[in-house]
Amino acid sequence: MKRLNIIVCVLIGIFLLSCEEKEYYQGEYIIVNDCDELIDIYGIGKNISAPSVAIHDRIPAKSKLSYRRIKITEDAMVKDLFETIEIYKNGQKTMKNPMNQELWDKTFLNNQLTYTLVVDSSFF
């Protein structure tokens, strides 16, 4: 019986820790076009309570675009917010995978999380 009580207490503790309320911040995903040509971005953004949304934008050379703004937790990953992201320049798809979290630079300033992807000629 004592063993059962310990197991129940441990399970309750694990449950309470998993219910810990996460803090959400204003998040922004920015894509910088550091190429000398226009790039096209095609993505599908995930939504929790609604169908996924297709996102298509063009970014002129040496410009940047706020690709998506959404409330996120500090441990959010690009794959949590997008089903896919594809980048094209002159009809050629990038060789690097924009879904790779390591390509995005993360900054946290004034309670805002910003993830920035700099697309340069090494992507193609």
PDB file of N, CA and C in Angstrom:
ATOM      1  N   MET A   1       0.819  -1.193   0.000  1.00  0.00           N
ATOM      2  CA  MET A   1       0.000   0.000   0.000  1.00  0.00           C
ATOM      3  C   MET A   1       0.868   1.264   0.000  1.00  0.00           C
ATOM      4  N   LYS A   2       1.933   1.233   0.805  1.00  0.00           N
ATOM      5  CA  LYS A   2       2.821   2.384   0.882  1.00  0.00           C
ATOM      6  C   LYS A   2       3.444   2.676  -0.480  1.00  0.00           C
ATOM      7  N   ARG A   3       3.800   1.630  -1.199  1.00  0.00           N
ATOM      8  CA  ARG A   3       4.397   1.771  -2.528  1.00  0.00           C
ATOM      9  C   ARG A   3       3.403   2.425  -3.492  1.00  0.00           C
ATOM     10  N   LEU A   4       2.140   2.044  -3.403  1.00  0.00           N
ATOM     11  CA  LEU A   4       1.096   2.617  -4.250  1.00  0.00           C
ATOM     12  C   LEU A   4       0.932   4.113  -3.964  1.00  0.00           C
ATOM     13  N   ASN A   5       0.980   4.494  -2.703  1.00  0.00           N
ATOM     14  CA  ASN A   5       0.877   5.914  -2.333  1.00  0.00           C
ATOM     15  C   ASN A   5       2.042   6.726  -2.903  1.00  0.00           C
ATOM     16  N   ILE A   6       3.233   6.167  -2.869  1.00  0.00           N
ATOM     17  CA  ILE A   6       4.405   6.861  -3.418  1.00  0.00           C
ATOM     18  C   ILE A   6       4.246   7.035  -4.924  1.00  0.00           C
ATOM     19  N   ILE A   7       3.804   5.983  -5.601  1.00  0.00           N
ATOM     20  CA  ILE A   7       3.612   6.067  -7.056  1.00  0.00           C
ATOM     21  C   ILE A   7       2.557   7.116  -7.393  1.00  0.00           C
ATOM     22  N   VAL A   8       1.466   7.135  -6.652  1.00  0.00           N
ATOM     23  CA  VAL A   8       0.403   8.121  -6.895  1.00  0.00           C
ATOM     24  C   VAL A   8       0.932   9.532  -6.661  1.00  0.00           C
ATOM     25  N   CYS A   9       1.701   9.740  -5.618  1.00  0.00           N
ATOM     26  CA  CYS A   9       2.265  11.070  -5.338  1.00  0.00           C
ATOM     27  C   CYS A   9       3.217  11.509  -6.450  1.00  0.00           C
ATOM     28  N   VAL A  10       4.037  10.595  -6.941  1.00  0.00           N
ATOM     29  CA  VAL A  10       4.964  10.919  -8.024  1.00  0.00           C
ATOM     30  C   VAL A  10       4.183  11.283  -9.286  1.00  0.00           C
ATOM     31  N   LEU A  11       3.167  10.521  -9.609  1.00  0.00           N
ATOM     32  CA  LEU A  11       2.353  10.799 -10.795  1.00  0.00           C
ATOM     33  C   LEU A  11       1.639  12.147 -10.680  1.00  0.00           C
ATOM     34  N   ILE A  12       1.140  12.463  -9.512  1.00  0.00           N
ATOM     35  CA  ILE A  12       0.494  13.765  -9.300  1.00  0.00           C
ATOM     36  C   ILE A  12       1.511  14.889  -9.464  1.00  0.00           C
ATOM     37  N   GLY A  13       2.712  14.698  -8.940  1.00  0.00           N
ATOM     38  CA  GLY A  13       3.772  15.700  -9.091  1.00  0.00           C
ATOM     39  C   GLY A  13       4.132  15.922 -10.547  1.00  0.00           C
ATOM     40  N   ILE A  14       4.266  14.837 -11.292  1.00  0.00           N
ATOM     41  CA  ILE A  14       4.576  14.952 -12.724  1.00  0.00           C
ATOM     42  C   ILE A  14       3.444  15.678 -13.442  1.00  0.00           C
ATOM     43  N   PHE A  15       2.209  15.352 -13.099  1.00  0.00           N
ATOM     44  CA  PHE A  15       1.058  16.013 -13.720  1.00  0.00           C
ATOM     45  C   PHE A  15       1.063  17.512 -13.434  1.00  0.00           C
ATOM     46  N   LEU A  16       1.315  17.881 -12.190  1.00  0.00           N
ATOM     47  CA  LEU A  16       1.326  19.303 -11.829  1.00  0.00           C
ATOM     48  C   LEU A  16       2.440  20.057 -12.534  1.00  0.00           C
ATOM     49  N   LEU A  17       3.607  19.434 -12.674  1.00  0.00           N
ATOM     50  CA  LEU A  17       4.707  20.077 -13.385  1.00  0.00           C
ATOM     51  C   LEU A  17       4.397  20.231 -14.869  1.00  0.00           C
ATOM     52  N   SER A  18       3.702  19.266 -15.450  1.00  0.00           N
ATOM     53  CA  SER A  18       3.380  19.355 -16.870  1.00  0.00           C
ATOM     54  C   SER A  18       2.293  20.386 -17.137  1.00  0.00           C
ATOM     55  N   CYS A  19       1.526  20.747 -16.124  1.00  0.00           N
ATOM     56  CA  CYS A  19       0.466  21.741 -16.288  1.00  0.00           C
ATOM     57  C   CYS A  19       0.978  23.162 -16.054  1.00  0.00           C
ATOM     58  N   GLU A  20       2.262  23.287 -15.817  1.00  0.00           N
ATOM     59  CA  GLU A  20       2.859  24.594 -15.586  1.00  0.00           C
ATOM     60  C   GLU A  20       2.512  25.531 -16.733  1.00  0.00           C
ATOM     61  N   GLU A  21       1.999  26.680 -16.401  1.00  0.00           N
ATOM     62  CA  GLU A  21       1.590  27.633 -17.425  1.00  0.00           C
ATOM     63  C   GLU A  21       2.814  28.228 -18.106  1.00  0.00           C
ATOM     64  N   LYS A  22       2.806  28.155 -19.417  1.00  0.00           N
ATOM     65  CA  LYS A  22       3.911  28.704 -20.196  1.00  0.00           C
ATOM     66  C   LYS A  22       3.669  30.182 -20.440  1.00  0.00           C
ATOM     67  N   GLU A  23       4.763  30.912 -20.505  1.00  0.00           N
ATOM     68  CA  GLU A  23       4.667  32.338 -20.794  1.00  0.00           C
ATOM     69  C   GLU A  23       4.780  32.546 -22.303  1.00  0.00           C
ATOM     70  N   TYR A  24       3.847  33.316 -22.838  1.00  0.00           N
ATOM     71  CA  TYR A  24       3.837  33.598 -24.274  1.00  0.00           C
ATOM     72  C   TYR A  24       4.337  35.009 -24.518  1.00  0.00           C
ATOM     73  N   TYR A  25       5.068  35.171 -25.602  1.00  0.00           N
ATOM     74  CA  TYR A  25       5.640  36.451 -25.995  1.00  0.00           C
ATOM     75  C   TYR A  25       5.191  36.773 -27.417  1.00  0.00           C
ATOM     76  N   GLN A  26       5.245  38.039 -27.738  1.00  0.00           N
ATOM     77  CA  GLN A  26       5.015  38.417 -29.129  1.00  0.00           C
ATOM     78  C   GLN A  26       6.201  37.892 -29.928  1.00  0.00           C
ATOM     79  N   GLY A  27       5.927  37.112 -30.947  1.00  0.00           N
ATOM     80  CA  GLY A  27       6.987  36.532 -31.762  1.00  0.00           C
ATOM     81  C   GLY A  27       6.896  37.014 -33.195  1.00  0.00           C
ATOM     82  N   GLU A  28       8.043  37.093 -33.831  1.00  0.00           N
ATOM     83  CA  GLU A  28       8.082  37.534 -35.224  1.00  0.00           C
ATOM     84  C   GLU A  28       9.142  36.730 -35.962  1.00  0.00           C
ATOM     85  N   TYR A  29       8.772  36.296 -37.160  1.00  0.00           N
ATOM     86  CA  TYR A  29       9.695  35.595 -38.047  1.00  0.00           C
ATOM     87  C   TYR A  29       9.998  36.518 -39.215  1.00  0.00           C
ATOM     88  N   ILE A  30      11.262  36.886 -39.327  1.00  0.00           N
ATOM     89  CA  ILE A  30      11.698  37.835 -40.354  1.00  0.00           C
ATOM     90  C   ILE A  30      12.609  37.112 -41.334  1.00  0.00           C
ATOM     91  N   ILE A  31      12.393  37.366 -42.622  1.00  0.00           N
ATOM     92  CA  ILE A  31      13.276  36.817 -43.646  1.00  0.00           C
ATOM     93  C   ILE A  31      13.954  37.987 -44.341  1.00  0.00           C
ATOM     94  N   VAL A  32      15.284  37.935 -44.372  1.00  0.00           N
ATOM     95  CA  VAL A  32      16.100  38.975 -44.998  1.00  0.00           C
ATOM     96  C   VAL A  32      16.616  38.433 -46.326  1.00  0.00           C
ATOM     97  N   ASN A  33      16.402  39.184 -47.399  1.00  0.00           N
ATOM     98  CA  ASN A  33      16.935  38.811 -48.702  1.00  0.00           C
ATOM     99  C   ASN A  33      18.237  39.569 -48.907  1.00  0.00           C
ATOM    100  N   ASP A  34      19.346  38.877 -48.732  1.00  0.00           N
ATOM    101  CA  ASP A  34      20.662  39.486 -48.909  1.00  0.00           C
ATOM    102  C   ASP A  34      21.213  39.217 -50.318  1.00  0.00           C
ATOM    103  N   CYS A  35      20.354  38.693 -51.189  1.00  0.00           N
ATOM    104  CA  CYS A  35      20.751  38.409 -52.580  1.00  0.00           C
ATOM    105  C   CYS A  35      20.587  39.677 -53.427  1.00  0.00           C
ATOM    106  N   ASP A  36      21.134  39.624 -54.631  1.00  0.00           N
ATOM    107  CA  ASP A  36      21.005  40.743 -55.569  1.00  0.00           C
ATOM    108  C   ASP A  36      19.750  40.633 -56.423  1.00  0.00           C
ATOM    109  N   GLU A  37      18.970  39.559 -56.255  1.00  0.00           N
ATOM    110  CA  GLU A  37      17.735  39.361 -57.008  1.00  0.00           C
ATOM    111  C   GLU A  37      16.567  39.159 -56.054  1.00  0.00           C
ATOM    112  N   LEU A  38      15.374  39.303 -56.593  1.00  0.00           N
ATOM    113  CA  LEU A  38      14.134  39.056 -55.873  1.00  0.00           C
ATOM    114  C   LEU A  38      14.061  37.580 -55.496  1.00  0.00           C
ATOM    115  N   ILE A  39      13.509  37.267 -54.313  1.00  0.00           N
ATOM    116  CA  ILE A  39      13.257  35.878 -53.937  1.00  0.00           C
ATOM    117  C   ILE A  39      11.771  35.709 -53.645  1.00  0.00           C
ATOM    118  N   ASP A  40      11.280  34.497 -53.880  1.00  0.00           N
ATOM    119  CA  ASP A  40       9.905  34.128 -53.581  1.00  0.00           C
ATOM    120  C   ASP A  40       9.899  33.178 -52.397  1.00  0.00           C
ATOM    121  N   ILE A  41       8.990  33.412 -51.477  1.00  0.00           N
ATOM    122  CA  ILE A  41       8.846  32.573 -50.298  1.00  0.00           C
ATOM    123  C   ILE A  41       7.441  31.971 -50.326  1.00  0.00           C
ATOM    124  N   TYR A  42       7.381  30.644 -50.242  1.00  0.00           N
ATOM    125  CA  TYR A  42       6.111  29.924 -50.165  1.00  0.00           C
ATOM    126  C   TYR A  42       6.110  29.139 -48.873  1.00  0.00           C
ATOM    127  N   GLY A  43       5.079  29.309 -48.077  1.00  0.00           N
ATOM    128  CA  GLY A  43       5.009  28.578 -46.824  1.00  0.00           C
ATOM    129  C   GLY A  43       3.594  28.230 -46.461  1.00  0.00           C
ATOM    130  N   ILE A  44       3.477  27.301 -45.531  1.00  0.00           N
ATOM    131  CA  ILE A  44       2.185  26.964 -44.952  1.00  0.00           C
ATOM    132  C   ILE A  44       2.339  27.105 -43.454  1.00  0.00           C
ATOM    133  N   GLY A  45       1.615  28.075 -42.909  1.00  0.00           N
ATOM    134  CA  GLY A  45       1.675  28.329 -41.476  1.00  0.00           C
ATOM    135  C   GLY A  45       0.669  27.487 -40.723  1.00  0.00           C
ATOM    136  N   LYS A  46       1.098  26.913 -39.615  1.00  0.00           N
ATOM    137  CA  LYS A  46       0.213  26.104 -38.774  1.00  0.00           C
ATOM    138  C   LYS A  46      -0.622  27.023 -37.899  1.00  0.00           C
ATOM    139  N   ASN A  47      -1.872  26.643 -37.708  1.00  0.00           N
ATOM    140  CA  ASN A  47      -2.766  27.327 -36.785  1.00  0.00           C
ATOM    141  C   ASN A  47      -3.344  26.287 -35.844  1.00  0.00           C
ATOM    142  N   ILE A  48      -3.461  26.631 -34.574  1.00  0.00           N
ATOM    143  CA  ILE A  48      -3.964  25.675 -33.590  1.00  0.00           C
ATOM    144  C   ILE A  48      -5.470  25.467 -33.737  1.00  0.00           C
ATOM    145  N   SER A  49      -6.232  26.545 -33.848  1.00  0.00           N
ATOM    146  CA  SER A  49      -7.687  26.442 -33.840  1.00  0.00           C
ATOM    147  C   SER A  49      -8.318  26.716 -35.201  1.00  0.00           C
ATOM    148  N   ALA A  50      -7.529  26.727 -36.250  1.00  0.00           N
ATOM    149  CA  ALA A  50      -8.056  27.013 -37.585  1.00  0.00           C
ATOM    150  C   ALA A  50      -7.249  26.234 -38.610  1.00  0.00           C
ATOM    151  N   PRO A  51      -7.760  26.152 -39.834  1.00  0.00           N
ATOM    152  CA  PRO A  51      -6.987  25.454 -40.869  1.00  0.00           C
ATOM    153  C   PRO A  51      -5.650  26.157 -41.126  1.00  0.00           C
ATOM    154  N   SER A  52      -4.704  25.395 -41.642  1.00  0.00           N
ATOM    155  CA  SER A  52      -3.399  25.957 -41.996  1.00  0.00           C
ATOM    156  C   SER A  52      -3.595  27.035 -43.056  1.00  0.00           C
ATOM    157  N   VAL A  53      -2.665  27.979 -43.095  1.00  0.00           N
ATOM    158  CA  VAL A  53      -2.793  29.097 -44.020  1.00  0.00           C
ATOM    159  C   VAL A  53      -1.570  29.152 -44.940  1.00  0.00           C
ATOM    160  N   ALA A  54      -1.842  29.280 -46.240  1.00  0.00           N
ATOM    161  CA  ALA A  54      -0.750  29.407 -47.213  1.00  0.00           C
ATOM    162  C   ALA A  54      -0.238  30.837 -47.190  1.00  0.00           C
ATOM    163  N   ILE A  55       1.083  30.973 -47.216  1.00  0.00           N
ATOM    164  CA  ILE A  55       1.710  32.296 -47.178  1.00  0.00           C
ATOM    165  C   ILE A  55       2.673  32.387 -48.358  1.00  0.00           C
ATOM    166  N   HIS A  56       2.442  33.351 -49.245  1.00  0.00           N
ATOM    167  CA  HIS A  56       3.357  33.573 -50.359  1.00  0.00           C
ATOM    168  C   HIS A  56       3.747  35.043 -50.367  1.00  0.00           C
ATOM    169  N   ASP A  57       5.027  35.284 -50.416  1.00  0.00           N
ATOM    170  CA  ASP A  57       5.527  36.658 -50.469  1.00  0.00           C
ATOM    171  C   ASP A  57       6.733  36.725 -51.375  1.00  0.00           C
ATOM    172  N   ARG A  58       6.986  37.928 -51.854  1.00  0.00           N
ATOM    173  CA  ARG A  58       8.186  38.215 -52.642  1.00  0.00           C
ATOM    174  C   ARG A  58       8.989  39.246 -51.870  1.00  0.00           C
ATOM    175  N   ILE A  59      10.291  39.022 -51.838  1.00  0.00           N
ATOM    176  CA  ILE A  59      11.157  39.964 -51.125  1.00  0.00           C
ATOM    177  C   ILE A  59      12.153  40.532 -52.125  1.00  0.00           C
ATOM    178  N   PRO A  60      12.104  41.839 -52.345  1.00  0.00           N
ATOM    179  CA  PRO A  60      13.077  42.458 -53.260  1.00  0.00           C
ATOM    180  C   PRO A  60      14.503  42.287 -52.743  1.00  0.00           C
ATOM    181  N   ALA A  61      15.452  42.441 -53.638  1.00  0.00           N
ATOM    182  CA  ALA A  61      16.865  42.345 -53.275  1.00  0.00           C
ATOM    183  C   ALA A  61      17.205  43.316 -52.151  1.00  0.00           C
ATOM    184  N   LYS A  62      18.047  42.848 -51.239  1.00  0.00           N
ATOM    185  CA  LYS A  62      18.555  43.656 -50.117  1.00  0.00           C
ATOM    186  C   LYS A  62      17.427  44.241 -49.262  1.00  0.00           C
ATOM    187  N   SER A  63      16.356  43.457 -49.088  1.00  0.00           N
ATOM    188  CA  SER A  63      15.205  43.886 -48.286  1.00  0.00           C
ATOM    189  C   SER A  63      14.877  42.818 -47.251  1.00  0.00           C
ATOM    190  N   LYS A  64      13.959  43.154 -46.363  1.00  0.00           N
ATOM    191  CA  LYS A  64      13.515  42.171 -45.379  1.00  0.00           C
ATOM    192  C   LYS A  64      11.994  42.194 -45.292  1.00  0.00           C
ATOM    193  N   LEU A  65      11.453  41.103 -44.766  1.00  0.00           N
ATOM    194  CA  LEU A  65      10.014  40.935 -44.682  1.00  0.00           C
ATOM    195  C   LEU A  65       9.664  40.306 -43.342  1.00  0.00           C
ATOM    196  N   SER A  66       8.660  40.849 -42.687  1.00  0.00           N
ATOM    197  CA  SER A  66       8.097  40.202 -41.518  1.00  0.00           C
ATOM    198  C   SER A  66       7.171  39.110 -42.039  1.00  0.00           C
ATOM    199  N   TYR A  67       7.625  37.867 -41.982  1.00  0.00           N
ATOM    200  CA  TYR A  67       6.905  36.763 -42.609  1.00  0.00           C
ATOM    201  C   TYR A  67       5.721  36.296 -41.773  1.00  0.00           C
ATOM    202  N   ARG A  68       5.859  36.339 -40.462  1.00  0.00           N
ATOM    203  CA  ARG A  68       4.747  35.930 -39.603  1.00  0.00           C
ATOM    204  C   ARG A  68       4.936  36.510 -38.221  1.00  0.00           C
ATOM    205  N   ARG A  69       3.817  36.983 -37.646  1.00  0.00           N
ATOM    206  CA  ARG A  69       3.787  37.461 -36.255  1.00  0.00           C
ATOM    207  C   ARG A  69       2.762  36.635 -35.509  1.00  0.00           C
ATOM    208  N   ILE A  70       3.192  36.135 -34.354  1.00  0.00           N
ATOM    209  CA  ILE A  70       2.323  35.232 -33.602  1.00  0.00           C
ATOM    210  C   ILE A  70       2.821  35.158 -32.165  1.00  0.00           C
ATOM    211  N   LYS A  71       1.927  34.898 -31.232  1.00  0.00           N
ATOM    212  CA  LYS A  71       2.325  34.689 -29.840  1.00  0.00           C
ATOM    213  C   LYS A  71       2.987  33.315 -29.737  1.00  0.00           C
ATOM    214  N   ILE A  72       4.190  33.271 -29.118  1.00  0.00           N
ATOM    215  CA  ILE A  72       4.936  32.020 -29.008  1.00  0.00           C
ATOM    216  C   ILE A  72       5.603  31.921 -27.645  1.00  0.00           C
ATOM    217  N   THR A  73       5.982  30.702 -27.287  1.00  0.00           N
ATOM    218  CA  THR A  73       6.754  30.491 -26.066  1.00  0.00           C
ATOM    219  C   THR A  73       8.234  30.619 -26.404  1.00  0.00           C
ATOM    220  N   GLU A  74       9.037  30.717 -25.378  1.00  0.00           N
ATOM    221  CA  GLU A  74      10.478  30.916 -25.597  1.00  0.00           C
ATOM    222  C   GLU A  74      11.139  29.720 -26.286  1.00  0.00           C
ATOM    223  N   ASP A  75      10.538  28.549 -26.166  1.00  0.00           N
ATOM    224  CA  ASP A  75      11.136  27.361 -26.780  1.00  0.00           C
ATOM    225  C   ASP A  75      10.499  27.001 -28.126  1.00  0.00           C
ATOM    226  N   ALA A  76       9.777  27.936 -28.732  1.00  0.00           N
ATOM    227  CA  ALA A  76       9.138  27.684 -30.031  1.00  0.00           C
ATOM    228  C   ALA A  76      10.191  27.385 -31.094  1.00  0.00           C
ATOM    229  N   MET A  77       9.816  26.494 -31.996  1.00  0.00           N
ATOM    230  CA  MET A  77      10.691  26.110 -33.105  1.00  0.00           C
ATOM    231  C   MET A  77       9.966  26.435 -34.403  1.00  0.00           C
ATOM    232  N   VAL A  78      10.712  26.636 -35.475  1.00  0.00           N
ATOM    233  CA  VAL A  78      10.122  26.977 -36.764  1.00  0.00           C
ATOM    234  C   VAL A  78       9.138  25.889 -37.204  1.00  0.00           C
ATOM    235  N   LYS A  79       9.435  24.629 -36.916  1.00  0.00           N
ATOM    236  CA  LYS A  79       8.550  23.531 -37.321  1.00  0.00           C
ATOM    237  C   LYS A  79       7.247  23.521 -36.520  1.00  0.00           C
ATOM    238  N   ASP A  80       7.210  24.223 -35.395  1.00  0.00           N
ATOM    239  CA  ASP A  80       5.981  24.327 -34.615  1.00  0.00           C
ATOM    240  C   ASP A  80       5.000  25.306 -35.259  1.00  0.00           C
ATOM    241  N   LEU A  81       5.510  26.235 -36.053  1.00  0.00           N
ATOM    242  CA  LEU A  81       4.669  27.296 -36.604  1.00  0.00           C
ATOM    243  C   LEU A  81       4.447  27.204 -38.103  1.00  0.00           C
ATOM    244  N   PHE A  82       5.275  26.421 -38.777  1.00  0.00           N
ATOM    245  CA  PHE A  82       5.154  26.268 -40.226  1.00  0.00           C
ATOM    246  C   PHE A  82       5.159  24.791 -40.589  1.00  0.00           C
ATOM    247  N   GLU A  83       4.299  24.416 -41.518  1.00  0.00           N
ATOM    248  CA  GLU A  83       4.353  23.061 -42.065  1.00  0.00           C
ATOM    249  C   GLU A  83       5.487  22.975 -43.075  1.00  0.00           C
ATOM    250  N   THR A  84       5.602  24.007 -43.907  1.00  0.00           N
ATOM    251  CA  THR A  84       6.670  24.063 -44.902  1.00  0.00           C
ATOM    252  C   THR A  84       7.055  25.518 -45.160  1.00  0.00           C
ATOM    253  N   ILE A  85       8.290  25.704 -45.581  1.00  0.00           N
ATOM    254  CA  ILE A  85       8.764  26.978 -46.128  1.00  0.00           C
ATOM    255  C   ILE A  85       9.683  26.622 -47.288  1.00  0.00           C
ATOM    256  N   GLU A  86       9.406  27.216 -48.440  1.00  0.00           N
ATOM    257  CA  GLU A  86      10.259  27.009 -49.612  1.00  0.00           C
ATOM    258  C   GLU A  86      10.683  28.369 -50.141  1.00  0.00           C
ATOM    259  N   ILE A  87      11.941  28.464 -50.550  1.00  0.00           N
ATOM    260  CA  ILE A  87      12.493  29.726 -51.047  1.00  0.00           C
ATOM    261  C   ILE A  87      13.025  29.495 -52.455  1.00  0.00           C
ATOM    262  N   TYR A  88      12.680  30.419 -53.349  1.00  0.00           N
ATOM    263  CA  TYR A  88      13.105  30.330 -54.750  1.00  0.00           C
ATOM    264  C   TYR A  88      13.741  31.646 -55.193  1.00  0.00           C
ATOM    265  N   LYS A  89      14.733  31.521 -56.049  1.00  0.00           N
ATOM    266  CA  LYS A  89      15.340  32.681 -56.714  1.00  0.00           C
ATOM    267  C   LYS A  89      15.470  32.317 -58.182  1.00  0.00           C
ATOM    268  N   ASN A  90      14.884  33.137 -59.044  1.00  0.00           N
ATOM    269  CA  ASN A  90      14.899  32.871 -60.495  1.00  0.00           C
ATOM    270  C   ASN A  90      14.399  31.451 -60.807  1.00  0.00           C
ATOM    271  N   GLY A  91      13.385  30.995 -60.065  1.00  0.00           N
ATOM    272  CA  GLY A  91      12.807  29.673 -60.299  1.00  0.00           C
ATOM    273  C   GLY A  91      13.598  28.521 -59.710  1.00  0.00           C
ATOM    274  N   GLN A  92      14.748  28.805 -59.108  1.00  0.00           N
ATOM    275  CA  GLN A  92      15.598  27.764 -58.516  1.00  0.00           C
ATOM    276  C   GLN A  92      15.325  27.675 -57.014  1.00  0.00           C
ATOM    277  N   LYS A  93      14.998  26.475 -56.551  1.00  0.00           N
ATOM    278  CA  LYS A  93      14.731  26.258 -55.131  1.00  0.00           C
ATOM    279  C   LYS A  93      16.040  26.242 -54.342  1.00  0.00           C
ATOM    280  N   THR A  94      16.000  26.792 -53.142  1.00  0.00           N
ATOM    281  CA  THR A  94      17.171  26.833 -52.279  1.00  0.00           C
ATOM    282  C   THR A  94      17.683  25.426 -51.949  1.00  0.00           C
ATOM    283  N   MET A  95      18.989  25.309 -51.787  1.00  0.00           N
ATOM    284  CA  MET A  95      19.599  24.039 -51.394  1.00  0.00           C
ATOM    285  C   MET A  95      19.549  23.865 -49.878  1.00  0.00           C
ATOM    286  N   LYS A  96      19.407  24.955 -49.141  1.00  0.00           N
ATOM    287  CA  LYS A  96      19.319  24.885 -47.682  1.00  0.00           C
ATOM    288  C   LYS A  96      17.850  24.777 -47.282  1.00  0.00           C
ATOM    289  N   ASN A  97      17.598  24.077 -46.199  1.00  0.00           N
ATOM    290  CA  ASN A  97      16.233  23.865 -45.717  1.00  0.00           C
ATOM    291  C   ASN A  97      15.846  24.951 -44.712  1.00  0.00           C
ATOM    292  N   PRO A  98      14.937  25.859 -45.082  1.00  0.00           N
ATOM    293  CA  PRO A  98      14.534  26.928 -44.157  1.00  0.00           C
ATOM    294  C   PRO A  98      13.819  26.412 -42.909  1.00  0.00           C
ATOM    295  N   MET A  99      13.444  25.131 -42.884  1.00  0.00           N
ATOM    296  CA  MET A  99      12.814  24.545 -41.704  1.00  0.00           C
ATOM    297  C   MET A  99      13.864  24.128 -40.669  1.00  0.00           C
ATOM    298  N   ASN A 100      15.133  24.259 -41.014  1.00  0.00           N
ATOM    299  CA  ASN A 100      16.225  23.945 -40.103  1.00  0.00           C
ATOM    300  C   ASN A 100      16.361  25.088 -39.091  1.00  0.00           C
ATOM    301  N   GLN A 101      16.060  24.817 -37.850  1.00  0.00           N
ATOM    302  CA  GLN A 101      16.065  25.839 -36.796  1.00  0.00           C
ATOM    303  C   GLN A 101      17.429  26.522 -36.666  1.00  0.00           C
ATOM    304  N   GLU A 102      18.494  25.819 -36.973  1.00  0.00           N
ATOM    305  CA  GLU A 102      19.848  26.368 -36.831  1.00  0.00           C
ATOM    306  C   GLU A 102      20.121  27.527 -37.795  1.00  0.00           C
ATOM    307  N   LEU A 103      19.325  27.647 -38.848  1.00  0.00           N
ATOM    308  CA  LEU A 103      19.511  28.749 -39.804  1.00  0.00           C
ATOM    309  C   LEU A 103      18.897  30.060 -39.310  1.00  0.00           C
ATOM    310  N   TRP A 104      18.049  29.978 -38.313  1.00  0.00           N
ATOM    311  CA  TRP A 104      17.343  31.157 -37.801  1.00  0.00           C
ATOM    312  C   TRP A 104      18.083  31.730 -36.596  1.00  0.00           C
ATOM    313  N   ASP A 105      18.351  33.029 -36.623  1.00  0.00           N
ATOM    314  CA  ASP A 105      18.965  33.715 -35.478  1.00  0.00           C
ATOM    315  C   ASP A 105      17.861  34.183 -34.538  1.00  0.00           C
ATOM    316  N   LYS A 106      18.011  33.854 -33.276  1.00  0.00           N
ATOM    317  CA  LYS A 106      17.007  34.188 -32.269  1.00  0.00           C
ATOM    318  C   LYS A 106      17.478  35.377 -31.434  1.00  0.00           C
ATOM    319  N   THR A 107      16.603  36.365 -31.266  1.00  0.00           N
ATOM    320  CA  THR A 107      16.874  37.474 -30.355  1.00  0.00           C
ATOM    321  C   THR A 107      15.666  37.665 -29.451  1.00  0.00           C
ATOM    322  N   PHE A 108      15.930  38.074 -28.230  1.00  0.00           N
ATOM    323  CA  PHE A 108      14.873  38.322 -27.253  1.00  0.00           C
ATOM    324  C   PHE A 108      15.126  39.698 -26.654  1.00  0.00           C
ATOM    325  N   LEU A 109      14.229  40.629 -26.954  1.00  0.00           N
ATOM    326  CA  LEU A 109      14.399  42.007 -26.508  1.00  0.00           C
ATOM    327  C   LEU A 109      13.038  42.602 -26.197  1.00  0.00           C
ATOM    328  N   ASN A 110      12.913  43.235 -25.039  1.00  0.00           N
ATOM    329  CA  ASN A 110      11.664  43.892 -24.631  1.00  0.00           C
ATOM    330  C   ASN A 110      10.464  42.957 -24.726  1.00  0.00           C
ATOM    331  N   ASN A 111      10.601  41.748 -24.188  1.00  0.00           N
ATOM    332  CA  ASN A 111       9.540  40.737 -24.199  1.00  0.00           C
ATOM    333  C   ASN A 111       9.075  40.353 -25.597  1.00  0.00           C
ATOM    334  N   GLN A 112       9.929  40.489 -26.588  1.00  0.00           N
ATOM    335  CA  GLN A 112       9.606  40.077 -27.943  1.00  0.00           C
ATOM    336  C   GLN A 112      10.677  39.125 -28.452  1.00  0.00           C
ATOM    337  N   LEU A 113      10.219  37.996 -28.974  1.00  0.00           N
ATOM    338  CA  LEU A 113      11.111  37.012 -29.587  1.00  0.00           C
ATOM    339  C   LEU A 113      11.134  37.250 -31.084  1.00  0.00           C
ATOM    340  N   THR A 114      12.315  37.322 -31.641  1.00  0.00           N
ATOM    341  CA  THR A 114      12.454  37.514 -33.081  1.00  0.00           C
ATOM    342  C   THR A 114      13.378  36.441 -33.631  1.00  0.00           C
ATOM    343  N   TYR A 115      12.908  35.785 -34.675  1.00  0.00           N
ATOM    344  CA  TYR A 115      13.712  34.808 -35.394  1.00  0.00           C
ATOM    345  C   TYR A 115      13.967  35.377 -36.781  1.00  0.00           C
ATOM    346  N   THR A 116      15.236  35.454 -37.169  1.00  0.00           N
ATOM    347  CA  THR A 116      15.609  36.054 -38.453  1.00  0.00           C
ATOM    348  C   THR A 116      16.365  35.037 -39.294  1.00  0.00           C
ATOM    349  N   LEU A 117      15.921  34.900 -40.539  1.00  0.00           N
ATOM    350  CA  LEU A 117      16.586  34.042 -41.516  1.00  0.00           C
ATOM    351  C   LEU A 117      17.180  34.947 -42.584  1.00  0.00           C
ATOM    352  N   VAL A 118      18.505  34.918 -42.720  1.00  0.00           N
ATOM    353  CA  VAL A 118      19.185  35.723 -43.735  1.00  0.00           C
ATOM    354  C   VAL A 118      19.472  34.815 -44.928  1.00  0.00           C
ATOM    355  N   VAL A 119      18.814  35.115 -46.060  1.00  0.00           N
ATOM    356  CA  VAL A 119      18.976  34.338 -47.288  1.00  0.00           C
ATOM    357  C   VAL A 119      20.009  35.065 -48.150  1.00  0.00           C
ATOM    358  N   ASP A 120      21.128  34.394 -48.406  1.00  0.00           N
ATOM    359  CA  ASP A 120      22.168  34.982 -49.253  1.00  0.00           C
ATOM    360  C   ASP A 120      22.474  34.030 -50.409  1.00  0.00           C
ATOM    361  N   SER A 121      23.455  34.357 -51.193  1.00  0.00           N
ATOM    362  CA  SER A 121      23.762  33.559 -52.390  1.00  0.00           C
ATOM    363  C   SER A 121      24.194  32.132 -52.059  1.00  0.00           C
ATOM    364  N   SER A 122      24.641  31.883 -50.824  1.00  0.00           N
ATOM    365  CA  SER A 122      25.038  30.515 -50.448  1.00  0.00           C
ATOM    366  C   SER A 122      23.847  29.562 -50.357  1.00  0.00           C
ATOM    367  N   PHE A 123      22.639  30.094 -50.354  1.00  0.00           N
ATOM    368  CA  PHE A 123      21.442  29.258 -50.296  1.00  0.00           C
ATOM    369  C   PHE A 123      21.163  28.577 -51.638  1.00  0.00           C
ATOM    370  N   PHE A 124      21.747  29.113 -52.735  1.00  0.00           N
ATOM    371  CA  PHE A 124      21.390  28.619 -54.073  1.00  0.00           C
ATOM    372  C   PHE A 124      22.575  28.009 -54.799  1.00  0.00           C
TER     373      PHE A 124
END
